[in-house]
Amino acid sequence: MEIIAIERKAFELLLQEMQLLTARVETLARKCEDRKRRKWIDGDEVCKLLRLSPRSLQELRSKHRIGYAQIGRKFYYRPEEVELVLRQSGKYINNK
């Protein structure tokens, strides 16, 4: 077994740096988790959640009442946008 001796100040500095590194990793992990939650929802799922027809959803897009992204012919929506429409419609129930 090999024993390594270092000064107290060097050891305390090492511990301090490890705590900073741990805090940074935890922050990055939280950001990554937040991004995972921000998955986009396709139009079919939004229609089910909002209890709308595809035509009604198209009307919301046309009137700029819901934000979306389009890839090819398919539309995608952020969960926050869907929640906003639910709140504005008065159908929102907070289960938290």
C-alpha atoms as a PDB file:
ATOM      1  CA  MET A   1       0.000   0.000   0.000  1.00  0.00           C
ATOM      2  CA  GLU A   2       1.259   3.442  -0.922  1.00  0.00           C
ATOM      3  CA  ILE A   3       0.632   6.414   1.385  1.00  0.00           C
ATOM      4  CA  ILE A   4       0.621   9.945   0.018  1.00  0.00           C
ATOM      5  CA  ALA A   5       0.814  12.920   2.370  1.00  0.00           C
ATOM      6  CA  ILE A   6      -0.297  16.434   1.394  1.00  0.00           C
ATOM      7  CA  GLU A   7      -0.629  19.689   3.277  1.00  0.00           C
ATOM      8  CA  ARG A   8      -3.924  20.507   4.974  1.00  0.00           C
ATOM      9  CA  LYS A   9      -4.454  23.590   2.776  1.00  0.00           C
ATOM     10  CA  ALA A  10      -3.936  21.550  -0.389  1.00  0.00           C
ATOM     11  CA  PHE A  11      -6.371  18.914   0.874  1.00  0.00           C
ATOM     12  CA  GLU A  12      -8.998  21.549   1.771  1.00  0.00           C
ATOM     13  CA  LEU A  13      -8.563  23.170  -1.660  1.00  0.00           C
ATOM     14  CA  LEU A  14      -9.035  19.770  -3.289  1.00  0.00           C
ATOM     15  CA  LEU A  15     -12.244  19.214  -1.301  1.00  0.00           C
ATOM     16  CA  GLN A  16     -13.492  22.671  -2.260  1.00  0.00           C
ATOM     17  CA  GLU A  17     -12.848  22.008  -5.957  1.00  0.00           C
ATOM     18  CA  MET A  18     -14.649  18.668  -5.705  1.00  0.00           C
ATOM     19  CA  GLN A  19     -17.687  20.379  -4.179  1.00  0.00           C
ATOM     20  CA  LEU A  20     -17.723  22.936  -7.022  1.00  0.00           C
ATOM     21  CA  LEU A  21     -17.438  20.163  -9.589  1.00  0.00           C
ATOM     22  CA  THR A  22     -20.263  18.231  -7.927  1.00  0.00           C
ATOM     23  CA  ALA A  23     -22.487  21.336  -7.949  1.00  0.00           C
ATOM     24  CA  ARG A  24     -21.773  21.920 -11.646  1.00  0.00           C
ATOM     25  CA  VAL A  25     -22.570  18.328 -12.540  1.00  0.00           C
ATOM     26  CA  GLU A  26     -25.848  18.497 -10.586  1.00  0.00           C
ATOM     27  CA  THR A  27     -26.781  21.736 -12.385  1.00  0.00           C
ATOM     28  CA  LEU A  28     -26.089  20.179 -15.776  1.00  0.00           C
ATOM     29  CA  ALA A  29     -28.068  17.076 -14.835  1.00  0.00           C
ATOM     30  CA  ARG A  30     -31.061  19.257 -13.873  1.00  0.00           C
ATOM     31  CA  LYS A  31     -30.858  21.148 -17.181  1.00  0.00           C
ATOM     32  CA  CYS A  32     -30.717  17.868 -19.072  1.00  0.00           C
ATOM     33  CA  GLU A  33     -33.764  16.587 -17.186  1.00  0.00           C
ATOM     34  CA  ASP A  34     -35.636  19.827 -17.949  1.00  0.00           C
ATOM     35  CA  ARG A  35     -34.902  19.383 -21.647  1.00  0.00           C
ATOM     36  CA  LYS A  36     -36.197  15.829 -21.558  1.00  0.00           C
ATOM     37  CA  ARG A  37     -39.486  17.092 -20.169  1.00  0.00           C
ATOM     38  CA  ARG A  38     -39.814  19.584 -22.997  1.00  0.00           C
ATOM     39  CA  LYS A  39     -40.550  16.981 -25.612  1.00  0.00           C
ATOM     40  CA  TRP A  40     -42.735  18.093 -28.465  1.00  0.00           C
ATOM     41  CA  ILE A  41     -46.208  16.634 -28.961  1.00  0.00           C
ATOM     42  CA  ASP A  42     -47.612  15.815 -32.385  1.00  0.00           C
ATOM     43  CA  GLY A  43     -50.948  17.102 -33.667  1.00  0.00           C
ATOM     44  CA  ASP A  44     -52.856  13.868 -33.067  1.00  0.00           C
ATOM     45  CA  GLU A  45     -51.935  13.831 -29.402  1.00  0.00           C
ATOM     46  CA  VAL A  46     -52.771  17.539 -29.026  1.00  0.00           C
ATOM     47  CA  CYS A  47     -56.190  16.931 -30.559  1.00  0.00           C
ATOM     48  CA  LYS A  48     -56.816  14.202 -27.995  1.00  0.00           C
ATOM     49  CA  LEU A  49     -55.586  16.327 -25.090  1.00  0.00           C
ATOM     50  CA  LEU A  50     -57.592  19.392 -26.091  1.00  0.00           C
ATOM     51  CA  ARG A  51     -60.550  17.378 -27.386  1.00  0.00           C
ATOM     52  CA  LEU A  52     -60.381  19.175 -30.722  1.00  0.00           C
ATOM     53  CA  SER A  53     -60.707  18.162 -34.324  1.00  0.00           C
ATOM     54  CA  PRO A  54     -57.676  18.598 -36.578  1.00  0.00           C
ATOM     55  CA  ARG A  55     -59.497  21.478 -38.285  1.00  0.00           C
ATOM     56  CA  SER A  56     -60.016  23.272 -34.948  1.00  0.00           C
ATOM     57  CA  LEU A  57     -56.342  22.830 -34.143  1.00  0.00           C
ATOM     58  CA  GLN A  58     -55.482  24.281 -37.551  1.00  0.00           C
ATOM     59  CA  GLU A  59     -57.656  27.276 -36.714  1.00  0.00           C
ATOM     60  CA  LEU A  60     -55.749  27.800 -33.443  1.00  0.00           C
ATOM     61  CA  ARG A  61     -52.514  27.800 -35.448  1.00  0.00           C
ATOM     62  CA  SER A  62     -53.911  30.186 -38.057  1.00  0.00           C
ATOM     63  CA  LYS A  63     -55.029  32.631 -35.367  1.00  0.00           C
ATOM     64  CA  HIS A  64     -51.637  32.327 -33.594  1.00  0.00           C
ATOM     65  CA  ARG A  65     -53.259  31.060 -30.404  1.00  0.00           C
ATOM     66  CA  ILE A  66     -50.888  28.121 -30.124  1.00  0.00           C
ATOM     67  CA  GLY A  67     -47.206  27.977 -30.941  1.00  0.00           C
ATOM     68  CA  TYR A  68     -45.941  25.164 -33.125  1.00  0.00           C
ATOM     69  CA  ALA A  69     -43.131  23.892 -35.303  1.00  0.00           C
ATOM     70  CA  GLN A  70     -43.581  22.243 -38.657  1.00  0.00           C
ATOM     71  CA  ILE A  71     -41.396  19.520 -40.091  1.00  0.00           C
ATOM     72  CA  GLY A  72     -42.517  18.518 -43.551  1.00  0.00           C
ATOM     73  CA  ARG A  73     -46.286  18.276 -43.356  1.00  0.00           C
ATOM     74  CA  LYS A  74     -46.387  17.410 -39.666  1.00  0.00           C
ATOM     75  CA  PHE A  75     -46.940  19.913 -36.846  1.00  0.00           C
ATOM     76  CA  TYR A  76     -45.447  19.665 -33.367  1.00  0.00           C
ATOM     77  CA  TYR A  77     -46.359  21.531 -30.187  1.00  0.00           C
ATOM     78  CA  ARG A  78     -44.622  22.185 -26.903  1.00  0.00           C
ATOM     79  CA  PRO A  79     -46.415  20.920 -23.798  1.00  0.00           C
ATOM     80  CA  GLU A  80     -46.353  24.475 -22.383  1.00  0.00           C
ATOM     81  CA  GLU A  81     -48.330  25.724 -25.398  1.00  0.00           C
ATOM     82  CA  VAL A  82     -50.939  22.999 -24.984  1.00  0.00           C
ATOM     83  CA  GLU A  83     -51.234  23.778 -21.274  1.00  0.00           C
ATOM     84  CA  LEU A  84     -51.688  27.477 -22.070  1.00  0.00           C
ATOM     85  CA  VAL A  85     -54.572  26.697 -24.441  1.00  0.00           C
ATOM     86  CA  LEU A  86     -56.116  24.445 -21.788  1.00  0.00           C
ATOM     87  CA  ARG A  87     -55.908  27.229 -19.210  1.00  0.00           C
ATOM     88  CA  GLN A  88     -57.400  29.777 -21.591  1.00  0.00           C
ATOM     89  CA  SER A  89     -60.262  27.457 -22.479  1.00  0.00           C
ATOM     90  CA  GLY A  90     -61.184  26.984 -18.827  1.00  0.00           C
ATOM     91  CA  LYS A  91     -60.854  23.195 -19.107  1.00  0.00           C
ATOM     92  CA  TYR A  92     -57.609  23.102 -17.170  1.00  0.00           C
ATOM     93  CA  ILE A  93     -57.557  21.036 -13.998  1.00  0.00           C
ATOM     94  CA  ASN A  94     -54.447  21.342 -11.859  1.00  0.00           C
ATOM     95  CA  ASN A  95     -53.586  17.873 -10.531  1.00  0.00           C
ATOM     96  CA  LYS A  96     -50.407  18.995  -8.767  1.00  0.00           C
END
